[in-house]
C-alpha atoms as a PDB file:
ATOM      1  CA  MET A   1      -5.636  13.340   7.592  1.00  0.00           C
ATOM      2  CA  ARG A   2      -6.329  10.336   9.689  1.00  0.00           C
ATOM      3  CA  VAL A   3      -4.607   7.153   8.934  1.00  0.00           C
ATOM      4  CA  ARG A   4      -5.708   3.694  10.645  1.00  0.00           C
ATOM      5  CA  VAL A   5      -4.029   0.350  10.023  1.00  0.00           C
ATOM      6  CA  LEU A   6      -6.800  -2.374   9.448  1.00  0.00           C
ATOM      7  CA  VAL A   7      -4.661  -5.017   9.044  1.00  0.00           C
ATOM      8  CA  ASP A   8      -0.781  -5.803   9.305  1.00  0.00           C
ATOM      9  CA  ASN A   9       1.369  -8.953  10.154  1.00  0.00           C
ATOM     10  CA  SER A  10       1.141  -7.813  13.983  1.00  0.00           C
ATOM     11  CA  THR A  11      -1.316  -6.166  16.343  1.00  0.00           C
ATOM     12  CA  LEU A  12      -0.674  -3.528  19.046  1.00  0.00           C
ATOM     13  CA  ILE A  13      -0.278  -4.626  22.637  1.00  0.00           C
ATOM     14  CA  ASP A  14      -3.775  -4.896  24.370  1.00  0.00           C
ATOM     15  CA  HIS A  15      -5.667  -4.385  21.005  1.00  0.00           C
ATOM     16  CA  TYR A  16      -7.569  -7.684  20.086  1.00  0.00           C
ATOM     17  CA  PHE A  17      -7.382  -7.190  16.405  1.00  0.00           C
ATOM     18  CA  LEU A  18      -6.734  -9.833  13.845  1.00  0.00           C
ATOM     19  CA  ALA A  19      -3.315 -10.017  12.158  1.00  0.00           C
ATOM     20  CA  GLU A  20      -1.963 -11.497   8.774  1.00  0.00           C
ATOM     21  CA  PRO A  21       0.755 -11.291   6.273  1.00  0.00           C
ATOM     22  CA  GLY A  22      -0.865  -8.576   4.652  1.00  0.00           C
ATOM     23  CA  PHE A  23      -1.473  -4.901   4.845  1.00  0.00           C
ATOM     24  CA  SER A  24      -4.587  -2.601   4.402  1.00  0.00           C
ATOM     25  CA  ALA A  25      -5.197   1.049   5.790  1.00  0.00           C
ATOM     26  CA  LEU A  26      -8.193   3.381   5.783  1.00  0.00           C
ATOM     27  CA  VAL A  27      -6.975   7.006   4.950  1.00  0.00           C
ATOM     28  CA  GLU A  28      -9.705   9.597   5.476  1.00  0.00           C
ATOM     29  CA  THR A  29      -9.285  13.287   4.061  1.00  0.00           C
ATOM     30  CA  GLU A  30     -11.472  15.922   3.659  1.00  0.00           C
ATOM     31  CA  GLY A  31     -12.057  14.321   0.155  1.00  0.00           C
ATOM     32  CA  GLY A  32     -13.769  11.204   1.955  1.00  0.00           C
ATOM     33  CA  LYS A  33     -12.483   7.753   2.856  1.00  0.00           C
ATOM     34  CA  VAL A  34      -9.938   5.783   1.085  1.00  0.00           C
ATOM     35  CA  LEU A  35      -9.438   1.987   1.395  1.00  0.00           C
ATOM     36  CA  PHE A  36      -5.595   1.566   0.660  1.00  0.00           C
ATOM     37  CA  ASP A  37      -4.998  -2.282   0.099  1.00  0.00           C
ATOM     38  CA  LEU A  38      -7.381  -5.207   1.325  1.00  0.00           C
ATOM     39  CA  GLY A  39      -5.014  -7.537   2.696  1.00  0.00           C
ATOM     40  CA  TYR A  40      -5.239 -11.349   2.029  1.00  0.00           C
ATOM     41  CA  SER A  41      -8.733 -12.094   3.649  1.00  0.00           C
ATOM     42  CA  ARG A  42     -11.735 -10.500   5.205  1.00  0.00           C
ATOM     43  CA  ALA A  43      -9.488  -9.533   8.278  1.00  0.00           C
ATOM     44  CA  PHE A  44      -9.343  -5.985   7.431  1.00  0.00           C
ATOM     45  CA  LEU A  45     -13.187  -6.130   7.398  1.00  0.00           C
ATOM     46  CA  GLU A  46     -13.412  -7.304  10.928  1.00  0.00           C
ATOM     47  CA  ASN A  47     -10.946  -5.129  12.238  1.00  0.00           C
ATOM     48  CA  ALA A  48     -12.729  -2.168  10.731  1.00  0.00           C
ATOM     49  CA  ARG A  49     -15.898  -3.318  12.330  1.00  0.00           C
ATOM     50  CA  LYS A  50     -14.351  -3.279  15.777  1.00  0.00           C
ATOM     51  CA  MET A  51     -12.901   0.312  14.972  1.00  0.00           C
ATOM     52  CA  GLY A  52     -16.676   1.396  14.391  1.00  0.00           C
ATOM     53  CA  GLU A  53     -16.258   1.211  10.478  1.00  0.00           C
ATOM     54  CA  ASP A  54     -18.321  -1.011   8.118  1.00  0.00           C
ATOM     55  CA  LEU A  55     -16.673   0.560   4.988  1.00  0.00           C
ATOM     56  CA  LEU A  56     -19.622   0.554   3.094  1.00  0.00           C
ATOM     57  CA  ASP A  57     -19.151   4.466   2.660  1.00  0.00           C
ATOM     58  CA  ILE A  58     -15.659   4.269   0.828  1.00  0.00           C
ATOM     59  CA  ARG A  59     -15.058   6.566  -1.939  1.00  0.00           C
ATOM     60  CA  TYR A  60     -11.927   5.305  -3.098  1.00  0.00           C
ATOM     61  CA  VAL A  61     -10.045   1.889  -3.049  1.00  0.00           C
ATOM     62  CA  VAL A  62      -6.540   2.027  -4.013  1.00  0.00           C
ATOM     63  CA  LEU A  63      -4.119  -0.675  -4.733  1.00  0.00           C
ATOM     64  CA  SER A  64      -0.358  -0.374  -4.063  1.00  0.00           C
ATOM     65  CA  HIS A  65       0.189  -3.604  -6.264  1.00  0.00           C
ATOM     66  CA  GLY A  66      -1.227  -6.839  -7.572  1.00  0.00           C
ATOM     67  CA  HIS A  67      -0.096  -9.222  -4.754  1.00  0.00           C
ATOM     68  CA  LEU A  68      -2.063 -11.609  -3.034  1.00  0.00           C
ATOM     69  CA  ASP A  69      -1.693 -10.154   0.578  1.00  0.00           C
ATOM     70  CA  HIS A  70      -2.792  -6.784  -0.756  1.00  0.00           C
ATOM     71  CA  THR A  71      -5.713  -7.712  -3.197  1.00  0.00           C
ATOM     72  CA  TRP A  72      -7.298 -10.915  -2.154  1.00  0.00           C
ATOM     73  CA  GLY A  73      -9.384  -9.181   0.468  1.00  0.00           C
ATOM     74  CA  MET A  74     -11.210  -7.877  -2.820  1.00  0.00           C
ATOM     75  CA  VAL A  75     -13.702 -10.570  -2.666  1.00  0.00           C
ATOM     76  CA  PRO A  76     -14.747 -10.247   0.621  1.00  0.00           C
ATOM     77  CA  PHE A  77     -15.132  -6.433   0.259  1.00  0.00           C
ATOM     78  CA  ILE A  78     -17.537  -6.989  -2.758  1.00  0.00           C
ATOM     79  CA  MET A  79     -19.523  -9.506  -1.061  1.00  0.00           C
ATOM     80  CA  ALA A  80     -19.925  -6.709   1.528  1.00  0.00           C
ATOM     81  CA  LEU A  81     -20.692  -4.011  -0.726  1.00  0.00           C
ATOM     82  CA  THR A  82     -23.260  -6.549  -2.665  1.00  0.00           C
ATOM     83  CA  GLY A  83     -24.971  -8.008   0.803  1.00  0.00           C
ATOM     84  CA  ALA A  84     -25.818  -4.041   1.551  1.00  0.00           C
ATOM     85  CA  ARG A  85     -27.119  -3.547  -2.056  1.00  0.00           C
ATOM     86  CA  ILE A  86     -29.466  -6.595  -1.393  1.00  0.00           C
ATOM     87  CA  GLU A  87     -30.367  -5.680   1.993  1.00  0.00           C
ATOM     88  CA  LYS A  88     -31.245  -2.085   0.711  1.00  0.00           C
ATOM     89  CA  ARG A  89     -28.512  -0.612   3.138  1.00  0.00           C
ATOM     90  CA  PRO A  90     -26.889   2.569   1.950  1.00  0.00           C
ATOM     91  CA  CYS A  91     -23.334   1.971   0.329  1.00  0.00           C
ATOM     92  CA  THR A  92     -21.047   3.543  -2.358  1.00  0.00           C
ATOM     93  CA  ARG A  93     -19.808   2.491  -5.749  1.00  0.00           C
ATOM     94  CA  PRO A  94     -16.131   3.139  -4.872  1.00  0.00           C
ATOM     95  CA  THR A  95     -13.795   4.505  -7.440  1.00  0.00           C
ATOM     96  CA  LEU A  96     -10.857   1.716  -7.723  1.00  0.00           C
ATOM     97  CA  VAL A  97      -7.362   3.598  -8.410  1.00  0.00           C
ATOM     98  CA  ALA A  98      -4.332   1.541  -9.569  1.00  0.00           C
ATOM     99  CA  HIS A  99      -1.686   0.918 -11.895  1.00  0.00           C
ATOM    100  CA  PRO A 100      -2.770  -0.592 -15.167  1.00  0.00           C
ATOM    101  CA  GLY A 101      -0.547  -3.698 -14.656  1.00  0.00           C
ATOM    102  CA  VAL A 102      -2.401  -4.542 -11.117  1.00  0.00           C
ATOM    103  CA  PHE A 103      -4.658  -7.324 -12.662  1.00  0.00           C
ATOM    104  CA  SER A 104      -1.847  -9.156 -14.285  1.00  0.00           C
ATOM    105  CA  THR A 105      -1.560 -12.958 -13.390  1.00  0.00           C
ATOM    106  CA  LYS A 106       1.440 -12.970 -11.202  1.00  0.00           C
ATOM    107  CA  LYS A 107       2.981 -16.213 -10.216  1.00  0.00           C
ATOM    108  CA  THR A 108       5.701 -17.255  -7.561  1.00  0.00           C
ATOM    109  CA  GLY A 109       7.664 -20.502  -7.795  1.00  0.00           C
ATOM    110  CA  ASP A 110       5.075 -23.305  -8.342  1.00  0.00           C
ATOM    111  CA  LEU A 111       2.107 -21.333  -7.044  1.00  0.00           C
ATOM    112  CA  PRO A 112      -0.510 -21.029  -9.759  1.00  0.00           C
ATOM    113  CA  GLU A 113      -1.447 -17.306  -8.816  1.00  0.00           C
ATOM    114  CA  THR A 114      -0.110 -14.890  -6.454  1.00  0.00           C
ATOM    115  CA  GLY A 115      -1.709 -11.640  -8.157  1.00  0.00           C
ATOM    116  CA  SER A 116      -5.114 -10.520  -8.009  1.00  0.00           C
ATOM    117  CA  LEU A 117      -7.970 -13.223  -7.896  1.00  0.00           C
ATOM    118  CA  MET A 118     -10.233 -10.580  -9.701  1.00  0.00           C
ATOM    119  CA  ALA A 119      -9.865  -9.914 -13.480  1.00  0.00           C
ATOM    120  CA  GLU A 120     -10.208  -6.327 -14.665  1.00  0.00           C
ATOM    121  CA  GLU A 121     -13.528  -6.743 -16.635  1.00  0.00           C
ATOM    122  CA  LYS A 122     -15.047  -8.192 -13.396  1.00  0.00           C
ATOM    123  CA  CYS A 123     -13.931  -5.465 -11.296  1.00  0.00           C
ATOM    124  CA  ARG A 124     -15.589  -2.943 -13.594  1.00  0.00           C
ATOM    125  CA  GLU A 125     -19.002  -4.542 -12.743  1.00  0.00           C
ATOM    126  CA  HIS A 126     -18.343  -3.303  -9.055  1.00  0.00           C
ATOM    127  CA  PHE A 127     -16.138  -0.367  -9.285  1.00  0.00           C
ATOM    128  CA  ASP A 128     -15.268   2.659 -11.393  1.00  0.00           C
ATOM    129  CA  LEU A 129     -11.843   1.922 -12.711  1.00  0.00           C
ATOM    130  CA  VAL A 130      -8.979   4.874 -12.737  1.00  0.00           C
ATOM    131  CA  LEU A 131      -6.074   2.641 -14.032  1.00  0.00           C
ATOM    132  CA  SER A 132      -3.080   5.129 -14.431  1.00  0.00           C
ATOM    133  CA  ARG A 133       0.411   5.167 -14.703  1.00  0.00           C
ATOM    134  CA  GLU A 134       0.632   8.736 -14.134  1.00  0.00           C
ATOM    135  CA  PRO A 135      -0.222  10.400 -10.730  1.00  0.00           C
ATOM    136  CA  VAL A 136      -3.844  10.602  -9.952  1.00  0.00           C
ATOM    137  CA  TRP A 137      -5.187  13.407  -7.575  1.00  0.00           C
ATOM    138  CA  ILE A 138      -7.677  11.767  -5.403  1.00  0.00           C
ATOM    139  CA  SER A 139      -8.169  15.016  -3.363  1.00  0.00           C
ATOM    140  CA  PRO A 140      -6.244  18.191  -3.385  1.00  0.00           C
ATOM    141  CA  ASP A 141      -3.856  16.918  -0.841  1.00  0.00           C
ATOM    142  CA  LEU A 142      -3.785  13.289  -1.623  1.00  0.00           C
ATOM    143  CA  VAL A 143      -2.227  11.496  -4.407  1.00  0.00           C
ATOM    144  CA  PHE A 144      -1.805   8.159  -6.069  1.00  0.00           C
ATOM    145  CA  LEU A 145       1.937   8.277  -7.362  1.00  0.00           C
ATOM    146  CA  GLY A 146       1.318   6.100 -10.257  1.00  0.00           C
ATOM    147  CA  GLU A 147       4.376   4.314 -11.981  1.00  0.00           C
ATOM    148  CA  ILE A 148       7.503   5.106  -9.694  1.00  0.00           C
ATOM    149  CA  PRO A 149      10.690   6.270 -11.657  1.00  0.00           C
ATOM    150  CA  ARG A 150      13.611   3.619 -10.402  1.00  0.00           C
ATOM    151  CA  ARG A 151      16.421   6.420  -9.975  1.00  0.00           C
ATOM    152  CA  PHE A 152      18.243   4.275  -7.331  1.00  0.00           C
ATOM    153  CA  SER A 153      20.481   1.497  -8.350  1.00  0.00           C
ATOM    154  CA  PHE A 154      20.897  -0.053  -5.126  1.00  0.00           C
ATOM    155  CA  GLU A 155      17.077  -0.366  -5.239  1.00  0.00           C
ATOM    156  CA  GLU A 156      16.958  -2.242  -8.479  1.00  0.00           C
ATOM    157  CA  VAL A 157      14.566  -5.208  -8.389  1.00  0.00           C
ATOM    158  CA  PRO A 158      16.490  -8.445  -9.376  1.00  0.00           C
ATOM    159  CA  LEU A 159      14.639 -10.166 -12.259  1.00  0.00           C
ATOM    160  CA  SER A 160      14.372 -14.121 -11.938  1.00  0.00           C
ATOM    161  CA  GLY A 161      12.225 -17.017 -12.921  1.00  0.00           C
ATOM    162  CA  LYS A 162      10.753 -17.435  -9.347  1.00  0.00           C
ATOM    163  CA  ARG A 163       8.581 -14.270  -9.560  1.00  0.00           C
ATOM    164  CA  THR A 164       6.757 -13.952 -12.960  1.00  0.00           C
ATOM    165  CA  VAL A 165       4.246 -11.920 -14.441  1.00  0.00           C
ATOM    166  CA  ARG A 166       1.920 -12.845 -17.784  1.00  0.00           C
ATOM    167  CA  GLY A 167       2.616 -10.809 -20.583  1.00  0.00           C
ATOM    168  CA  PRO A 168       1.644 -11.091 -24.449  1.00  0.00           C
ATOM    169  CA  ASP A 169       4.189 -13.501 -24.899  1.00  0.00           C
ATOM    170  CA  GLY A 170       3.653 -15.724 -21.720  1.00  0.00           C
ATOM    171  CA  CYS A 171       5.127 -15.546 -18.304  1.00  0.00           C
ATOM    172  CA  VAL A 172       8.449 -13.364 -17.891  1.00  0.00           C
ATOM    173  CA  PRO A 173      10.359 -12.062 -14.743  1.00  0.00           C
ATOM    174  CA  ASP A 174       8.376  -9.417 -12.899  1.00  0.00           C
ATOM    175  CA  PRO A 175       9.971  -6.145 -12.569  1.00  0.00           C
ATOM    176  CA  LEU A 176       7.097  -5.119 -10.494  1.00  0.00           C
ATOM    177  CA  LEU A 177       5.986  -1.787 -12.281  1.00  0.00           C
ATOM    178  CA  ASP A 178       2.412  -1.682 -10.725  1.00  0.00           C
ATOM    179  CA  ASP A 179       3.872  -1.053  -7.118  1.00  0.00           C
ATOM    180  CA  SER A 180       2.759   2.618  -5.917  1.00  0.00           C
ATOM    181  CA  ALA A 181       1.991   4.536  -3.009  1.00  0.00           C
ATOM    182  CA  LEU A 182      -0.055   7.319  -1.606  1.00  0.00           C
ATOM    183  CA  ALA A 183       1.294  10.741  -0.654  1.00  0.00           C
ATOM    184  CA  PHE A 184      -0.447  13.427   1.522  1.00  0.00           C
ATOM    185  CA  THR A 185       0.542  16.952   1.343  1.00  0.00           C
ATOM    186  CA  GLY A 186       0.158  18.367   4.898  1.00  0.00           C
ATOM    187  CA  LYS A 187       1.020  21.727   6.850  1.00  0.00           C
ATOM    188  CA  GLU A 188       4.160  19.694   7.979  1.00  0.00           C
ATOM    189  CA  GLY A 189       5.027  17.861   4.980  1.00  0.00           C
ATOM    190  CA  ILE A 190       4.419  14.533   3.229  1.00  0.00           C
ATOM    191  CA  VAL A 191       3.003  11.505   4.590  1.00  0.00           C
ATOM    192  CA  ILE A 192       3.697   8.476   2.397  1.00  0.00           C
ATOM    193  CA  VAL A 193       1.569   5.442   2.764  1.00  0.00           C
ATOM    194  CA  THR A 194       3.234   2.586   0.764  1.00  0.00           C
ATOM    195  CA  GLY A 195       2.000  -1.185   0.466  1.00  0.00           C
ATOM    196  CA  CYS A 196       5.405  -3.343  -0.040  1.00  0.00           C
ATOM    197  CA  SER A 197       7.679  -0.413  -1.759  1.00  0.00           C
ATOM    198  CA  HIS A 198       9.087  -3.171  -4.412  1.00  0.00           C
ATOM    199  CA  ALA A 199       9.614  -0.133  -6.297  1.00  0.00           C
ATOM    200  CA  GLY A 200      12.084   0.956  -3.581  1.00  0.00           C
ATOM    201  CA  ILE A 201      11.083   3.239  -0.482  1.00  0.00           C
ATOM    202  CA  CYS A 202      13.603   5.810  -1.732  1.00  0.00           C
ATOM    203  CA  ASN A 203      12.668   5.757  -5.320  1.00  0.00           C
ATOM    204  CA  ILE A 204       8.883   6.088  -3.634  1.00  0.00           C
ATOM    205  CA  ALA A 205      10.154   9.051  -1.586  1.00  0.00           C
ATOM    206  CA  ALA A 206      11.898  10.816  -4.030  1.00  0.00           C
ATOM    207  CA  TYR A 207       9.118  10.671  -6.476  1.00  0.00           C
ATOM    208  CA  ALA A 208       6.495  11.812  -3.747  1.00  0.00           C
ATOM    209  CA  ARG A 209       8.495  14.913  -3.236  1.00  0.00           C
ATOM    210  CA  GLU A 210       8.705  15.813  -6.730  1.00  0.00           C
ATOM    211  CA  VAL A 211       4.906  15.048  -7.545  1.00  0.00           C
ATOM    212  CA  CYS A 212       3.611  17.046  -4.447  1.00  0.00           C
ATOM    213  CA  GLY A 213       6.153  19.965  -4.896  1.00  0.00           C
ATOM    214  CA  GLU A 214       7.226  19.468  -1.265  1.00  0.00           C
ATOM    215  CA  GLU A 215      10.637  18.562   0.084  1.00  0.00           C
ATOM    216  CA  ARG A 216       9.750  17.580   3.691  1.00  0.00           C
ATOM    217  CA  VAL A 217       8.783  14.095   4.283  1.00  0.00           C
ATOM    218  CA  ARG A 218       6.977  14.117   7.697  1.00  0.00           C
ATOM    219  CA  ASP A 219       6.226  10.256   8.081  1.00  0.00           C
ATOM    220  CA  ILE A 220       6.444   6.879   6.015  1.00  0.00           C
ATOM    221  CA  ILE A 221       4.011   4.175   6.688  1.00  0.00           C
ATOM    222  CA  GLY A 222       3.934   0.871   5.567  1.00  0.00           C
ATOM    223  CA  GLY A 223       5.948  -2.142   4.347  1.00  0.00           C
ATOM    224  CA  PHE A 224       9.374  -1.306   2.824  1.00  0.00           C
ATOM    225  CA  HIS A 225      10.330  -4.948   1.737  1.00  0.00           C
ATOM    226  CA  LEU A 226      13.789  -5.256   3.218  1.00  0.00           C
ATOM    227  CA  THR A 227      13.212  -8.564   4.845  1.00  0.00           C
ATOM    228  CA  ALA A 228      16.100 -10.090   3.117  1.00  0.00           C
ATOM    229  CA  ALA A 229      18.138  -6.900   2.372  1.00  0.00           C
ATOM    230  CA  PRO A 230      21.841  -7.110   2.978  1.00  0.00           C
ATOM    231  CA  ALA A 231      23.540  -4.335   5.577  1.00  0.00           C
ATOM    232  CA  SER A 232      25.012  -2.451   2.474  1.00  0.00           C
ATOM    233  CA  ARG A 233      21.504  -1.667   1.110  1.00  0.00           C
ATOM    234  CA  LEU A 234      20.306  -0.777   4.434  1.00  0.00           C
ATOM    235  CA  GLU A 235      23.136   1.822   5.110  1.00  0.00           C
ATOM    236  CA  LYS A 236      22.234   3.129   1.512  1.00  0.00           C
ATOM    237  CA  THR A 237      18.868   3.394   2.491  1.00  0.00           C
ATOM    238  CA  VAL A 238      19.350   5.290   5.718  1.00  0.00           C
ATOM    239  CA  SER A 239      21.651   7.815   4.193  1.00  0.00           C
ATOM    240  CA  THR A 240      19.297   8.488   1.139  1.00  0.00           C
ATOM    241  CA  LEU A 241      16.175   8.883   3.271  1.00  0.00           C
ATOM    242  CA  ALA A 242      18.287  11.011   5.740  1.00  0.00           C
ATOM    243  CA  GLY A 243      19.359  13.250   3.116  1.00  0.00           C
ATOM    244  CA  MET A 244      15.646  13.754   2.073  1.00  0.00           C
ATOM    245  CA  GLY A 245      15.089  15.006   5.657  1.00  0.00           C
ATOM    246  CA  VAL A 246      12.993  12.005   6.755  1.00  0.00           C
ATOM    247  CA  VAL A 247      12.991  11.917  10.585  1.00  0.00           C
ATOM    248  CA  ARG A 248       9.845   9.655  11.478  1.00  0.00           C
ATOM    249  CA  MET A 249       8.501   6.524  10.249  1.00  0.00           C
ATOM    250  CA  HIS A 250       6.261   3.614  10.871  1.00  0.00           C
ATOM    251  CA  PRO A 251       7.767   0.501   9.204  1.00  0.00           C
ATOM    252  CA  CYS A 252       5.774  -2.655   9.257  1.00  0.00           C
ATOM    253  CA  HIS A 253       4.562  -5.663   6.950  1.00  0.00           C
ATOM    254  CA  CYS A 254       7.259  -6.753   5.021  1.00  0.00           C
ATOM    255  CA  THR A 255      10.135  -4.459   6.462  1.00  0.00           C
ATOM    256  CA  GLY A 256      11.824  -6.982   8.651  1.00  0.00           C
ATOM    257  CA  PHE A 257      13.500  -6.637  11.902  1.00  0.00           C
ATOM    258  CA  ALA A 258      16.940  -6.006  10.962  1.00  0.00           C
ATOM    259  CA  ALA A 259      15.974  -3.206   8.840  1.00  0.00           C
ATOM    260  CA  ARG A 260      13.669  -1.598  11.595  1.00  0.00           C
ATOM    261  CA  CYS A 261      16.594  -1.973  13.880  1.00  0.00           C
ATOM    262  CA  ARG A 262      18.854  -0.375  11.603  1.00  0.00           C
ATOM    263  CA  PHE A 263      16.235   2.626  11.012  1.00  0.00           C
ATOM    264  CA  SER A 264      15.646   3.118  14.949  1.00  0.00           C
ATOM    265  CA  GLY A 265      19.201   4.213  15.218  1.00  0.00           C
ATOM    266  CA  ALA A 266      18.733   7.065  12.485  1.00  0.00           C
ATOM    267  CA  PHE A 267      14.988   7.791  12.531  1.00  0.00           C
ATOM    268  CA  GLN A 268      12.047   8.139  14.954  1.00  0.00           C
ATOM    269  CA  VAL A 269      10.634   4.849  14.654  1.00  0.00           C
ATOM    270  CA  GLU A 270       7.217   4.049  16.158  1.00  0.00           C
ATOM    271  CA  GLU A 271       5.220   0.758  16.773  1.00  0.00           C
ATOM    272  CA  VAL A 272       2.629   0.075  14.389  1.00  0.00           C
ATOM    273  CA  GLY A 273       0.158  -2.780  13.860  1.00  0.00           C
ATOM    274  CA  SER A 274      -3.278  -3.756  13.249  1.00  0.00           C
ATOM    275  CA  GLY A 275      -5.457  -1.123  15.137  1.00  0.00           C
ATOM    276  CA  TRP A 276      -2.981   1.804  14.912  1.00  0.00           C
ATOM    277  CA  GLU A 277      -4.106   5.235  13.876  1.00  0.00           C
ATOM    278  CA  CYS A 278      -2.503   8.695  13.704  1.00  0.00           C
ATOM    279  CA  GLU A 279      -3.824  12.026  12.351  1.00  0.00           C
ATOM    280  CA  TYR A 280      -1.781  14.434  10.410  1.00  0.00           C
ATOM    281  CA  ARG A 281      -2.144  18.205   9.682  1.00  0.00           C
END
């Protein structure tokens, strides 16, 4: 498997890619190309082009969750696919895999919409949708984890009126049940690709081990959502991941500086940003 970060909050030194507060990655396995999240804008498309990819041959689009910094790039991606069809250039009709709640209207504070700009019925015009709370195997070695069981109490999502989701009875505090991740099972263990880890990075890692039937976690790539985490939570996160045998990670996006510093004392932490790539067996 090869993973390339198409957009992140930062870029690698001497690599002149675009950055934004968002995340997108291109995951390639023998089963084909998977676009994991699409960032906030068309930046991921511009960076992909610099890497020699036009993304018109994507087989799957996987959304980690519905927030704007992971889904608003959907509009320019649909524009790219539509333009190719108009111009009679080869392109795929990708399958979109996500949690059923990914298209729900989400609000943060006074902002009118911080969830997906695309409604489910509109997306069905452009993609074959697979919306599932259960794990979905994209290929024999790559799985979308679906709804993550919340097992570690220190990773509970605090419910408040600031972050809400629209339900049948109006807007209610958002438990972020749509948050998920990808897990690849290779010869050396599991590689997890996560967007924001609102479900908790320890919850995600534990569920990935269960779903994949593999205890070794070789690497974790993506945002851990620990920017404002207290030291007590960071300590519990470190001890829990170490207990799972995690030795290497590439934390980025919403992880936070303090968390990366703490992780660097316990794990092999490597720099990551727009333009980063790595291969796994």
